[in-house]
Amino acid sequence: MRPDREGLTNILLWMVIVFISILVHEFGHALTSRKMTGVNPSVKLVAMGGLAYPNTHLTRQQSFWVTWAGPLAGLGLFVVTALATCLAYGFPVGLNLVGVLALPWIDLTPETRLVALQMHGVTIKIISSMVFVNFWWSIINLLPVFPLDGGQIYAAVQPSQKKVFQVGMIVGIAVAVIALVQFQMIFAAALFGYLAYQNYQRLQETSGGFR
């Protein structure tokens, strides 16, 4: 495959995988909301992801479970990817390959390395993208930084808005620093720096600020 065609193929694959993964995530929210309230929700895809609107008032308990459902749906898609890889290449090889893609500090076994060398580049790209988007994005989305799902889950169980935004600001700053200093991930650092600033602004808008 020519380099320019390979690059275009990788971009298209990434776009399709991200689209499917976001849709699964948002339908996790939406279907759980409909199950708990009986009201048909709405799903809207936006530039950086998607939004699920319950179209009704949710109690704290309902909000807790509806919010959890999105990341759990993404993690479910990750499990499906792992199972499909195991069925295609055998359980030990598939599990080791997905494990390495999810947790880079794990080593490939000699058998898995041999199989990986024989796999088509597109296949590797699909598996690695599915693992990255549905495992790592789901985990990161569960960090208690408002308005990420983790921040909304924390808000559902924490009656103090100030504490929600304080925790979101502190965790956001910590993740931004770690992403930049430890991993040189500029985009992630900028994203969590922005989220930390958003939480700081929300904190100032609440009565008493840090008090």
N, C-alpha and C. Protein backbone atom coordinates (compact mmCIF):
# COMPACT_ATOMS: atom_id res chain seq x y z
N MET A 1 0.85 -1.20 0.00
CA MET A 1 0.00 0.00 0.00
C MET A 1 0.88 1.25 0.00
N ARG A 2 0.59 2.19 -0.91
CA ARG A 2 1.38 3.41 -1.00
C ARG A 2 1.21 4.21 0.29
N PRO A 3 2.30 4.97 0.69
CA PRO A 3 2.24 5.73 1.95
C PRO A 3 1.05 6.68 2.02
N ASP A 4 0.74 7.40 0.90
CA ASP A 4 -0.37 8.34 0.94
C ASP A 4 -1.70 7.62 1.10
N ARG A 5 -1.86 6.47 0.43
CA ARG A 5 -3.10 5.69 0.56
C ARG A 5 -3.20 5.09 1.95
N GLU A 6 -2.07 4.65 2.49
CA GLU A 6 -2.08 4.08 3.84
C GLU A 6 -2.47 5.13 4.87
N GLY A 7 -1.95 6.36 4.71
CA GLY A 7 -2.30 7.43 5.63
C GLY A 7 -3.78 7.77 5.57
N LEU A 8 -4.34 7.81 4.35
CA LEU A 8 -5.76 8.11 4.18
C LEU A 8 -6.61 6.99 4.79
N THR A 9 -6.18 5.73 4.59
CA THR A 9 -6.90 4.60 5.16
C THR A 9 -6.92 4.67 6.67
N ASN A 10 -5.79 5.00 7.28
CA ASN A 10 -5.70 5.11 8.74
C ASN A 10 -6.61 6.20 9.28
N ILE A 11 -6.65 7.33 8.58
CA ILE A 11 -7.52 8.44 9.01
C ILE A 11 -8.98 8.03 8.95
N LEU A 12 -9.37 7.39 7.83
CA LEU A 12 -10.76 6.97 7.66
C LEU A 12 -11.15 5.92 8.71
N LEU A 13 -10.25 4.97 8.96
CA LEU A 13 -10.50 3.95 9.99
C LEU A 13 -10.69 4.60 11.35
N TRP A 14 -9.82 5.55 11.67
CA TRP A 14 -9.91 6.24 12.96
C TRP A 14 -11.24 6.98 13.09
N MET A 15 -11.66 7.65 12.03
CA MET A 15 -12.91 8.40 12.07
C MET A 15 -14.11 7.47 12.28
N VAL A 16 -14.11 6.34 11.57
CA VAL A 16 -15.21 5.37 11.69
C VAL A 16 -15.25 4.78 13.09
N ILE A 17 -14.09 4.40 13.62
CA ILE A 17 -14.02 3.79 14.95
C ILE A 17 -14.44 4.78 16.03
N VAL A 18 -13.98 6.01 15.93
CA VAL A 18 -14.38 7.03 16.90
C VAL A 18 -15.88 7.28 16.83
N PHE A 19 -16.42 7.36 15.60
CA PHE A 19 -17.86 7.59 15.42
C PHE A 19 -18.68 6.47 16.08
N ILE A 20 -18.31 5.22 15.79
CA ILE A 20 -19.03 4.08 16.35
C ILE A 20 -18.91 4.06 17.87
N SER A 21 -17.71 4.34 18.38
CA SER A 21 -17.47 4.29 19.83
C SER A 21 -18.26 5.38 20.56
N ILE A 22 -18.29 6.58 19.99
CA ILE A 22 -19.06 7.67 20.60
C ILE A 22 -20.55 7.33 20.59
N LEU A 23 -21.01 6.75 19.47
CA LEU A 23 -22.42 6.39 19.36
C LEU A 23 -22.79 5.34 20.42
N VAL A 24 -21.94 4.34 20.60
CA VAL A 24 -22.18 3.31 21.63
C VAL A 24 -22.21 3.94 23.01
N HIS A 25 -21.26 4.84 23.27
CA HIS A 25 -21.19 5.53 24.56
C HIS A 25 -22.47 6.31 24.83
N GLU A 26 -22.90 7.11 23.86
CA GLU A 26 -24.09 7.94 24.06
C GLU A 26 -25.37 7.12 24.14
N PHE A 27 -25.43 6.03 23.37
CA PHE A 27 -26.60 5.16 23.48
C PHE A 27 -26.63 4.42 24.81
N GLY A 28 -25.46 4.22 25.41
CA GLY A 28 -25.43 3.68 26.77
C GLY A 28 -26.15 4.62 27.73
N HIS A 29 -25.83 5.91 27.63
CA HIS A 29 -26.56 6.91 28.43
C HIS A 29 -28.05 6.91 28.10
N ALA A 30 -28.35 6.99 26.80
CA ALA A 30 -29.73 7.21 26.35
C ALA A 30 -30.64 6.03 26.69
N LEU A 31 -30.18 4.81 26.43
CA LEU A 31 -31.03 3.65 26.67
C LEU A 31 -31.26 3.43 28.17
N THR A 32 -30.24 3.72 28.97
CA THR A 32 -30.42 3.61 30.42
C THR A 32 -31.41 4.66 30.91
N SER A 33 -31.31 5.87 30.36
CA SER A 33 -32.25 6.93 30.73
C SER A 33 -33.68 6.53 30.38
N ARG A 34 -33.88 5.98 29.19
CA ARG A 34 -35.23 5.58 28.77
C ARG A 34 -35.75 4.44 29.66
N LYS A 35 -34.85 3.51 30.01
CA LYS A 35 -35.25 2.40 30.87
C LYS A 35 -35.69 2.89 32.24
N MET A 36 -35.02 3.92 32.78
CA MET A 36 -35.30 4.38 34.13
C MET A 36 -36.44 5.38 34.20
N THR A 37 -36.67 6.13 33.12
CA THR A 37 -37.69 7.19 33.17
C THR A 37 -38.90 6.93 32.28
N GLY A 38 -38.74 6.08 31.27
CA GLY A 38 -39.82 5.85 30.32
C GLY A 38 -39.96 6.93 29.28
N VAL A 39 -39.08 7.93 29.32
CA VAL A 39 -39.11 9.05 28.37
C VAL A 39 -38.03 8.84 27.32
N ASN A 40 -38.39 9.04 26.04
CA ASN A 40 -37.41 8.87 24.97
C ASN A 40 -36.39 10.00 25.01
N PRO A 41 -35.09 9.69 25.16
CA PRO A 41 -34.05 10.72 25.19
C PRO A 41 -33.63 11.13 23.78
N SER A 42 -32.77 12.11 23.70
CA SER A 42 -32.21 12.56 22.42
C SER A 42 -30.69 12.40 22.47
N VAL A 43 -30.11 12.08 21.32
CA VAL A 43 -28.65 11.96 21.21
C VAL A 43 -28.18 12.92 20.13
N LYS A 44 -27.17 13.71 20.47
CA LYS A 44 -26.62 14.68 19.53
C LYS A 44 -25.10 14.51 19.47
N LEU A 45 -24.58 14.36 18.27
CA LEU A 45 -23.14 14.26 18.08
C LEU A 45 -22.58 15.66 17.84
N VAL A 46 -21.48 15.98 18.54
CA VAL A 46 -20.84 17.29 18.41
C VAL A 46 -19.38 17.08 18.02
N ALA A 47 -18.65 18.16 17.87
CA ALA A 47 -17.29 18.09 17.33
C ALA A 47 -16.37 17.21 18.16
N MET A 48 -16.42 17.34 19.49
CA MET A 48 -15.50 16.59 20.35
C MET A 48 -16.14 15.37 21.00
N GLY A 49 -17.31 14.96 20.53
CA GLY A 49 -17.95 13.81 21.13
C GLY A 49 -19.44 13.83 20.88
N GLY A 50 -20.21 13.55 21.94
CA GLY A 50 -21.65 13.52 21.81
C GLY A 50 -22.32 13.90 23.10
N LEU A 51 -23.63 14.11 23.02
CA LEU A 51 -24.42 14.46 24.19
C LEU A 51 -25.72 13.67 24.15
N ALA A 52 -26.12 13.16 25.32
CA ALA A 52 -27.40 12.47 25.44
C ALA A 52 -28.29 13.30 26.36
N TYR A 53 -29.45 13.69 25.86
CA TYR A 53 -30.39 14.49 26.63
C TYR A 53 -31.53 13.60 27.12
N PRO A 54 -31.78 13.52 28.43
CA PRO A 54 -32.85 12.66 28.92
C PRO A 54 -34.25 13.17 28.60
N ASN A 55 -34.36 14.47 28.29
CA ASN A 55 -35.65 15.11 28.00
C ASN A 55 -36.63 15.02 29.16
N THR A 56 -36.11 14.86 30.35
CA THR A 56 -36.92 14.85 31.56
C THR A 56 -35.99 15.08 32.74
N HIS A 57 -36.57 15.36 33.89
CA HIS A 57 -35.76 15.57 35.10
C HIS A 57 -35.30 14.22 35.64
N LEU A 58 -34.02 14.14 35.97
CA LEU A 58 -33.47 12.93 36.58
C LEU A 58 -33.20 13.18 38.06
N THR A 59 -33.54 12.20 38.89
CA THR A 59 -33.16 12.27 40.29
C THR A 59 -31.65 12.05 40.39
N ARG A 60 -31.09 12.30 41.56
CA ARG A 60 -29.65 12.07 41.74
C ARG A 60 -29.29 10.61 41.48
N GLN A 61 -30.15 9.70 41.96
CA GLN A 61 -29.88 8.28 41.76
C GLN A 61 -29.95 7.91 40.28
N GLN A 62 -30.97 8.43 39.59
CA GLN A 62 -31.07 8.17 38.16
C GLN A 62 -29.88 8.75 37.39
N SER A 63 -29.50 9.98 37.75
CA SER A 63 -28.36 10.62 37.10
C SER A 63 -27.08 9.81 37.30
N PHE A 64 -26.91 9.26 38.49
CA PHE A 64 -25.73 8.44 38.80
C PHE A 64 -25.63 7.27 37.84
N TRP A 65 -26.73 6.51 37.69
CA TRP A 65 -26.68 5.31 36.86
C TRP A 65 -26.67 5.64 35.37
N VAL A 66 -27.38 6.66 34.98
CA VAL A 66 -27.39 7.06 33.57
C VAL A 66 -25.99 7.51 33.13
N THR A 67 -25.32 8.23 34.01
CA THR A 67 -23.96 8.71 33.67
C THR A 67 -22.98 7.55 33.61
N TRP A 68 -23.10 6.62 34.55
CA TRP A 68 -22.22 5.44 34.55
C TRP A 68 -22.37 4.63 33.27
N ALA A 69 -23.57 4.60 32.71
CA ALA A 69 -23.86 3.71 31.59
C ALA A 69 -23.02 4.01 30.35
N GLY A 70 -22.65 5.28 30.13
CA GLY A 70 -21.85 5.63 28.96
C GLY A 70 -20.47 4.98 28.97
N PRO A 71 -19.65 5.25 30.01
CA PRO A 71 -18.34 4.61 30.08
C PRO A 71 -18.42 3.09 30.12
N LEU A 72 -19.45 2.54 30.79
CA LEU A 72 -19.59 1.09 30.84
C LEU A 72 -19.88 0.51 29.46
N ALA A 73 -20.65 1.24 28.65
CA ALA A 73 -20.91 0.80 27.28
C ALA A 73 -19.61 0.79 26.47
N GLY A 74 -18.77 1.82 26.67
CA GLY A 74 -17.47 1.86 25.99
C GLY A 74 -16.58 0.71 26.42
N LEU A 75 -16.54 0.44 27.72
CA LEU A 75 -15.74 -0.67 28.22
C LEU A 75 -16.30 -2.00 27.72
N GLY A 76 -17.63 -2.06 27.55
CA GLY A 76 -18.23 -3.26 26.98
C GLY A 76 -17.77 -3.49 25.54
N LEU A 77 -17.65 -2.41 24.77
CA LEU A 77 -17.16 -2.51 23.39
C LEU A 77 -15.69 -2.94 23.38
N PHE A 78 -14.93 -2.50 24.38
CA PHE A 78 -13.54 -2.95 24.53
C PHE A 78 -13.50 -4.46 24.79
N VAL A 79 -14.38 -4.96 25.65
CA VAL A 79 -14.44 -6.40 25.94
C VAL A 79 -14.81 -7.18 24.68
N VAL A 80 -15.77 -6.66 23.90
CA VAL A 80 -16.15 -7.31 22.64
C VAL A 80 -14.96 -7.38 21.70
N THR A 81 -14.18 -6.30 21.62
CA THR A 81 -12.98 -6.28 20.79
C THR A 81 -11.98 -7.34 21.25
N ALA A 82 -11.80 -7.45 22.57
CA ALA A 82 -10.87 -8.44 23.12
C ALA A 82 -11.34 -9.85 22.80
N LEU A 83 -12.64 -10.11 22.96
CA LEU A 83 -13.17 -11.44 22.68
C LEU A 83 -13.05 -11.79 21.20
N ALA A 84 -13.33 -10.81 20.33
CA ALA A 84 -13.22 -11.05 18.89
C ALA A 84 -11.77 -11.35 18.51
N THR A 85 -10.82 -10.65 19.12
CA THR A 85 -9.40 -10.89 18.85
C THR A 85 -9.00 -12.28 19.32
N CYS A 86 -9.50 -12.69 20.48
CA CYS A 86 -9.20 -14.01 21.01
C CYS A 86 -9.79 -15.10 20.12
N LEU A 87 -11.00 -14.90 19.61
CA LEU A 87 -11.62 -15.88 18.72
C LEU A 87 -10.86 -15.99 17.41
N ALA A 88 -10.33 -14.87 16.94
CA ALA A 88 -9.63 -14.85 15.65
C ALA A 88 -8.23 -15.46 15.74
N TYR A 89 -7.53 -15.23 16.86
CA TYR A 89 -6.12 -15.61 16.94
C TYR A 89 -5.80 -16.56 18.09
N GLY A 90 -6.83 -17.04 18.78
CA GLY A 90 -6.59 -17.92 19.91
C GLY A 90 -6.55 -17.13 21.20
N PHE A 91 -7.02 -17.75 22.27
CA PHE A 91 -7.16 -17.03 23.53
C PHE A 91 -5.84 -16.46 24.07
N PRO A 92 -4.77 -17.25 24.19
CA PRO A 92 -3.52 -16.69 24.76
C PRO A 92 -2.96 -15.54 23.95
N VAL A 93 -2.93 -15.70 22.61
CA VAL A 93 -2.38 -14.66 21.74
C VAL A 93 -3.26 -13.42 21.74
N GLY A 94 -4.56 -13.62 21.58
CA GLY A 94 -5.48 -12.49 21.55
C GLY A 94 -5.47 -11.70 22.84
N LEU A 95 -5.48 -12.41 23.97
CA LEU A 95 -5.47 -11.74 25.26
C LEU A 95 -4.17 -10.97 25.47
N ASN A 96 -3.05 -11.56 25.08
CA ASN A 96 -1.76 -10.89 25.23
C ASN A 96 -1.67 -9.67 24.33
N LEU A 97 -2.17 -9.79 23.10
CA LEU A 97 -2.11 -8.67 22.16
C LEU A 97 -2.95 -7.49 22.65
N VAL A 98 -4.20 -7.77 23.06
CA VAL A 98 -5.07 -6.71 23.56
C VAL A 98 -4.51 -6.13 24.85
N GLY A 99 -3.93 -7.00 25.70
CA GLY A 99 -3.33 -6.52 26.94
C GLY A 99 -2.19 -5.56 26.71
N VAL A 100 -1.36 -5.86 25.72
CA VAL A 100 -0.23 -4.97 25.39
C VAL A 100 -0.73 -3.65 24.83
N LEU A 101 -1.77 -3.70 23.98
CA LEU A 101 -2.31 -2.48 23.40
C LEU A 101 -2.99 -1.60 24.47
N ALA A 102 -3.59 -2.24 25.47
CA ALA A 102 -4.24 -1.48 26.54
C ALA A 102 -3.24 -1.02 27.59
N LEU A 103 -2.27 -1.87 27.90
CA LEU A 103 -1.28 -1.58 28.95
C LEU A 103 0.11 -1.78 28.36
N PRO A 104 0.70 -0.73 27.80
CA PRO A 104 1.96 -0.86 27.05
C PRO A 104 3.13 -1.43 27.83
N TRP A 105 3.06 -1.43 29.16
CA TRP A 105 4.18 -1.96 29.94
C TRP A 105 4.19 -3.49 29.98
N ILE A 106 3.12 -4.13 29.47
CA ILE A 106 3.10 -5.59 29.35
C ILE A 106 3.92 -5.99 28.13
N ASP A 107 4.65 -7.08 28.22
CA ASP A 107 5.49 -7.54 27.11
C ASP A 107 4.74 -8.53 26.22
N LEU A 108 5.02 -8.46 24.92
CA LEU A 108 4.50 -9.46 23.99
C LEU A 108 5.20 -10.78 24.21
N THR A 109 4.43 -11.87 24.17
CA THR A 109 5.05 -13.18 24.21
C THR A 109 5.64 -13.48 22.83
N PRO A 110 6.62 -14.38 22.73
CA PRO A 110 7.19 -14.71 21.41
C PRO A 110 6.12 -15.17 20.42
N GLU A 111 5.13 -15.96 20.89
CA GLU A 111 4.07 -16.44 20.01
C GLU A 111 3.22 -15.28 19.49
N THR A 112 2.88 -14.34 20.39
CA THR A 112 2.08 -13.19 19.98
C THR A 112 2.86 -12.31 19.02
N ARG A 113 4.15 -12.14 19.27
CA ARG A 113 4.98 -11.31 18.38
C ARG A 113 5.00 -11.89 16.97
N LEU A 114 5.09 -13.22 16.87
CA LEU A 114 5.11 -13.88 15.56
C LEU A 114 3.78 -13.67 14.84
N VAL A 115 2.66 -13.83 15.56
CA VAL A 115 1.35 -13.63 14.97
C VAL A 115 1.16 -12.17 14.54
N ALA A 116 1.61 -11.23 15.38
CA ALA A 116 1.46 -9.81 15.07
C ALA A 116 2.22 -9.43 13.80
N LEU A 117 3.40 -10.03 13.59
CA LEU A 117 4.18 -9.75 12.40
C LEU A 117 3.48 -10.23 11.14
N GLN A 118 2.63 -11.25 11.28
CA GLN A 118 1.93 -11.80 10.13
C GLN A 118 0.57 -11.14 9.89
N MET A 119 0.12 -10.33 10.84
CA MET A 119 -1.19 -9.69 10.71
C MET A 119 -1.12 -8.53 9.73
N HIS A 120 -2.23 -8.29 9.05
CA HIS A 120 -2.33 -7.15 8.13
C HIS A 120 -2.31 -5.85 8.92
N GLY A 121 -1.66 -4.84 8.36
CA GLY A 121 -1.55 -3.56 9.05
C GLY A 121 -2.89 -2.94 9.39
N VAL A 122 -3.88 -3.10 8.52
CA VAL A 122 -5.22 -2.55 8.77
C VAL A 122 -5.85 -3.23 9.99
N THR A 123 -5.65 -4.55 10.10
CA THR A 123 -6.20 -5.29 11.23
C THR A 123 -5.61 -4.79 12.55
N ILE A 124 -4.30 -4.62 12.57
CA ILE A 124 -3.64 -4.09 13.77
C ILE A 124 -4.17 -2.71 14.11
N LYS A 125 -4.36 -1.88 13.08
CA LYS A 125 -4.85 -0.51 13.29
C LYS A 125 -6.25 -0.54 13.89
N ILE A 126 -7.12 -1.41 13.38
CA ILE A 126 -8.49 -1.49 13.89
C ILE A 126 -8.49 -1.92 15.35
N ILE A 127 -7.75 -2.97 15.67
CA ILE A 127 -7.72 -3.48 17.04
C ILE A 127 -7.14 -2.43 17.99
N SER A 128 -6.01 -1.82 17.60
CA SER A 128 -5.36 -0.85 18.49
C SER A 128 -6.24 0.38 18.71
N SER A 129 -6.93 0.83 17.66
CA SER A 129 -7.80 2.00 17.78
C SER A 129 -9.02 1.69 18.66
N MET A 130 -9.60 0.50 18.47
CA MET A 130 -10.74 0.10 19.29
C MET A 130 -10.35 0.00 20.76
N VAL A 131 -9.16 -0.52 21.02
CA VAL A 131 -8.68 -0.64 22.40
C VAL A 131 -8.42 0.74 22.99
N PHE A 132 -7.73 1.60 22.25
CA PHE A 132 -7.38 2.92 22.77
C PHE A 132 -8.62 3.75 23.07
N VAL A 133 -9.54 3.80 22.11
CA VAL A 133 -10.73 4.65 22.27
C VAL A 133 -11.63 4.12 23.38
N ASN A 134 -11.90 2.82 23.38
CA ASN A 134 -12.91 2.29 24.29
C ASN A 134 -12.37 1.91 25.66
N PHE A 135 -11.08 1.70 25.78
CA PHE A 135 -10.49 1.43 27.10
C PHE A 135 -10.01 2.73 27.74
N TRP A 136 -9.05 3.37 27.09
CA TRP A 136 -8.44 4.55 27.72
C TRP A 136 -9.38 5.75 27.78
N TRP A 137 -10.15 5.99 26.73
CA TRP A 137 -11.08 7.12 26.79
C TRP A 137 -12.13 6.90 27.87
N SER A 138 -12.58 5.65 28.03
CA SER A 138 -13.58 5.36 29.06
C SER A 138 -13.00 5.58 30.45
N ILE A 139 -11.76 5.12 30.65
CA ILE A 139 -11.11 5.29 31.96
C ILE A 139 -10.89 6.77 32.26
N ILE A 140 -10.35 7.52 31.29
CA ILE A 140 -10.10 8.94 31.48
C ILE A 140 -11.39 9.70 31.73
N ASN A 141 -12.46 9.30 31.04
CA ASN A 141 -13.75 9.96 31.18
C ASN A 141 -14.35 9.77 32.57
N LEU A 142 -13.84 8.79 33.32
CA LEU A 142 -14.35 8.53 34.67
C LEU A 142 -13.59 9.30 35.74
N LEU A 143 -12.60 10.10 35.34
CA LEU A 143 -11.91 10.94 36.32
C LEU A 143 -12.90 11.99 36.86
N PRO A 144 -12.82 12.30 38.16
CA PRO A 144 -13.81 13.22 38.77
C PRO A 144 -13.56 14.69 38.42
N VAL A 145 -13.58 14.98 37.12
CA VAL A 145 -13.37 16.34 36.63
C VAL A 145 -14.63 16.76 35.87
N PHE A 146 -15.39 17.66 36.45
CA PHE A 146 -16.62 18.13 35.80
C PHE A 146 -16.27 18.92 34.54
N PRO A 147 -16.95 18.74 33.39
CA PRO A 147 -18.17 17.97 33.18
C PRO A 147 -17.96 16.58 32.61
N LEU A 148 -16.77 15.98 32.75
CA LEU A 148 -16.61 14.59 32.33
C LEU A 148 -17.59 13.71 33.09
N ASP A 149 -17.82 12.50 32.59
CA ASP A 149 -18.78 11.61 33.25
C ASP A 149 -18.40 11.36 34.70
N GLY A 150 -17.09 11.22 34.96
CA GLY A 150 -16.66 11.01 36.34
C GLY A 150 -17.02 12.17 37.24
N GLY A 151 -16.91 13.39 36.73
CA GLY A 151 -17.29 14.58 37.49
C GLY A 151 -18.79 14.63 37.73
N GLN A 152 -19.57 14.19 36.74
CA GLN A 152 -21.02 14.18 36.91
C GLN A 152 -21.47 13.07 37.86
N ILE A 153 -20.76 11.95 37.85
CA ILE A 153 -21.05 10.88 38.81
C ILE A 153 -20.77 11.37 40.23
N TYR A 154 -19.64 12.06 40.39
CA TYR A 154 -19.30 12.61 41.71
C TYR A 154 -20.34 13.65 42.14
N ALA A 155 -20.80 14.46 41.18
CA ALA A 155 -21.81 15.48 41.50
C ALA A 155 -23.13 14.84 41.93
N ALA A 156 -23.41 13.63 41.43
CA ALA A 156 -24.65 12.94 41.78
C ALA A 156 -24.65 12.43 43.21
N VAL A 157 -23.44 12.24 43.78
CA VAL A 157 -23.36 11.71 45.15
C VAL A 157 -22.82 12.75 46.13
N GLN A 158 -22.34 13.88 45.62
CA GLN A 158 -21.77 14.93 46.47
C GLN A 158 -22.71 16.14 46.47
N PRO A 159 -23.38 16.42 47.59
CA PRO A 159 -24.34 17.53 47.62
C PRO A 159 -23.70 18.92 47.51
N SER A 160 -22.40 19.03 47.81
CA SER A 160 -21.74 20.32 47.78
C SER A 160 -21.16 20.60 46.39
N GLN A 161 -21.71 21.59 45.70
CA GLN A 161 -21.17 21.96 44.40
C GLN A 161 -19.72 22.44 44.52
N LYS A 162 -19.42 23.14 45.59
CA LYS A 162 -18.07 23.66 45.77
C LYS A 162 -17.05 22.52 45.79
N LYS A 163 -17.38 21.43 46.49
CA LYS A 163 -16.46 20.31 46.55
C LYS A 163 -16.31 19.64 45.19
N VAL A 164 -17.41 19.57 44.44
CA VAL A 164 -17.34 18.99 43.10
C VAL A 164 -16.35 19.76 42.24
N PHE A 165 -16.44 21.10 42.27
CA PHE A 165 -15.57 21.92 41.43
C PHE A 165 -14.15 22.00 41.99
N GLN A 166 -14.00 21.95 43.31
CA GLN A 166 -12.67 21.91 43.92
C GLN A 166 -11.92 20.65 43.49
N VAL A 167 -12.60 19.51 43.62
CA VAL A 167 -11.98 18.24 43.22
C VAL A 167 -11.68 18.25 41.73
N GLY A 168 -12.63 18.75 40.92
CA GLY A 168 -12.41 18.81 39.49
C GLY A 168 -11.22 19.67 39.11
N MET A 169 -11.05 20.79 39.79
CA MET A 169 -9.93 21.69 39.51
C MET A 169 -8.61 21.03 39.90
N ILE A 170 -8.55 20.43 41.09
CA ILE A 170 -7.31 19.82 41.57
C ILE A 170 -6.90 18.63 40.71
N VAL A 171 -7.87 17.74 40.42
CA VAL A 171 -7.57 16.57 39.59
C VAL A 171 -7.19 17.00 38.18
N GLY A 172 -7.90 18.01 37.63
CA GLY A 172 -7.58 18.50 36.31
C GLY A 172 -6.15 19.03 36.21
N ILE A 173 -5.74 19.81 37.20
CA ILE A 173 -4.37 20.33 37.22
C ILE A 173 -3.37 19.19 37.31
N ALA A 174 -3.64 18.23 38.20
CA ALA A 174 -2.72 17.10 38.40
C ALA A 174 -2.55 16.29 37.12
N VAL A 175 -3.67 16.00 36.45
CA VAL A 175 -3.60 15.22 35.21
C VAL A 175 -2.87 16.01 34.12
N ALA A 176 -3.13 17.31 34.04
CA ALA A 176 -2.46 18.14 33.03
C ALA A 176 -0.94 18.13 33.24
N VAL A 177 -0.51 18.25 34.49
CA VAL A 177 0.92 18.26 34.79
C VAL A 177 1.56 16.91 34.47
N ILE A 178 0.89 15.81 34.88
CA ILE A 178 1.42 14.48 34.61
C ILE A 178 1.48 14.22 33.11
N ALA A 179 0.42 14.59 32.39
CA ALA A 179 0.40 14.38 30.93
C ALA A 179 1.53 15.12 30.24
N LEU A 180 1.83 16.33 30.70
CA LEU A 180 2.87 17.13 30.06
C LEU A 180 4.27 16.71 30.47
N VAL A 181 4.49 16.54 31.78
CA VAL A 181 5.84 16.28 32.29
C VAL A 181 6.24 14.82 32.09
N GLN A 182 5.32 13.90 32.41
CA GLN A 182 5.67 12.49 32.38
C GLN A 182 5.55 11.88 30.99
N PHE A 183 4.53 12.30 30.22
CA PHE A 183 4.27 11.64 28.94
C PHE A 183 4.41 12.57 27.73
N GLN A 184 4.67 13.87 27.95
CA GLN A 184 4.80 14.84 26.86
C GLN A 184 3.57 14.83 25.94
N MET A 185 2.39 14.67 26.55
CA MET A 185 1.13 14.65 25.79
C MET A 185 0.52 16.06 25.85
N ILE A 186 0.87 16.88 24.86
CA ILE A 186 0.51 18.29 24.89
C ILE A 186 -1.00 18.48 24.80
N PHE A 187 -1.67 17.72 23.93
CA PHE A 187 -3.11 17.89 23.76
C PHE A 187 -3.85 17.52 25.05
N ALA A 188 -3.47 16.39 25.67
CA ALA A 188 -4.11 15.97 26.92
C ALA A 188 -3.87 17.00 28.02
N ALA A 189 -2.65 17.53 28.07
CA ALA A 189 -2.33 18.54 29.09
C ALA A 189 -3.17 19.80 28.87
N ALA A 190 -3.31 20.22 27.61
CA ALA A 190 -4.11 21.41 27.31
C ALA A 190 -5.59 21.17 27.64
N LEU A 191 -6.08 19.98 27.32
CA LEU A 191 -7.48 19.65 27.58
C LEU A 191 -7.79 19.70 29.07
N PHE A 192 -6.96 19.03 29.88
CA PHE A 192 -7.24 18.99 31.31
C PHE A 192 -6.90 20.31 31.99
N GLY A 193 -5.97 21.06 31.42
CA GLY A 193 -5.74 22.41 31.93
C GLY A 193 -6.97 23.28 31.72
N TYR A 194 -7.60 23.14 30.55
CA TYR A 194 -8.82 23.90 30.25
C TYR A 194 -9.96 23.46 31.16
N LEU A 195 -10.10 22.14 31.38
CA LEU A 195 -11.15 21.64 32.26
C LEU A 195 -10.93 22.12 33.70
N ALA A 196 -9.67 22.17 34.13
CA ALA A 196 -9.37 22.68 35.47
C ALA A 196 -9.77 24.15 35.59
N TYR A 197 -9.49 24.91 34.54
CA TYR A 197 -9.87 26.33 34.54
C TYR A 197 -11.39 26.48 34.57
N GLN A 198 -12.10 25.63 33.82
CA GLN A 198 -13.56 25.67 33.84
C GLN A 198 -14.09 25.40 35.26
N ASN A 199 -13.49 24.43 35.94
CA ASN A 199 -13.92 24.13 37.31
C ASN A 199 -13.60 25.28 38.25
N TYR A 200 -12.47 25.95 38.00
CA TYR A 200 -12.11 27.13 38.80
C TYR A 200 -13.16 28.23 38.61
N GLN A 201 -13.56 28.46 37.37
CA GLN A 201 -14.57 29.48 37.10
C GLN A 201 -15.90 29.13 37.76
N ARG A 202 -16.30 27.88 37.65
CA ARG A 202 -17.55 27.45 38.28
C ARG A 202 -17.47 27.59 39.80
N LEU A 203 -16.29 27.33 40.34
CA LEU A 203 -16.11 27.44 41.79
C LEU A 203 -16.26 28.88 42.23
N GLN A 204 -15.74 29.82 41.44
CA GLN A 204 -15.86 31.22 41.77
C GLN A 204 -17.31 31.72 41.68
N GLU A 205 -18.09 31.08 40.83
CA GLU A 205 -19.48 31.46 40.66
C GLU A 205 -20.36 30.98 41.81
N THR A 206 -19.91 29.93 42.51
CA THR A 206 -20.65 29.46 43.67
C THR A 206 -20.35 30.37 44.85
N SER A 207 -21.26 30.49 45.75
CA SER A 207 -21.07 31.39 46.90
C SER A 207 -19.94 30.92 47.79
N GLY A 208 -19.04 31.81 48.11
CA GLY A 208 -17.97 31.49 49.05
C GLY A 208 -16.67 31.06 48.42
N GLY A 209 -16.67 30.76 47.12
CA GLY A 209 -15.43 30.36 46.48
C GLY A 209 -14.81 29.16 47.16
N PHE A 210 -13.60 29.30 47.68
CA PHE A 210 -12.87 28.21 48.31
C PHE A 210 -13.30 27.99 49.76
N ARG A 211 -14.06 28.89 50.32
CA ARG A 211 -14.38 28.77 51.73
C ARG A 211 -15.40 27.67 51.97
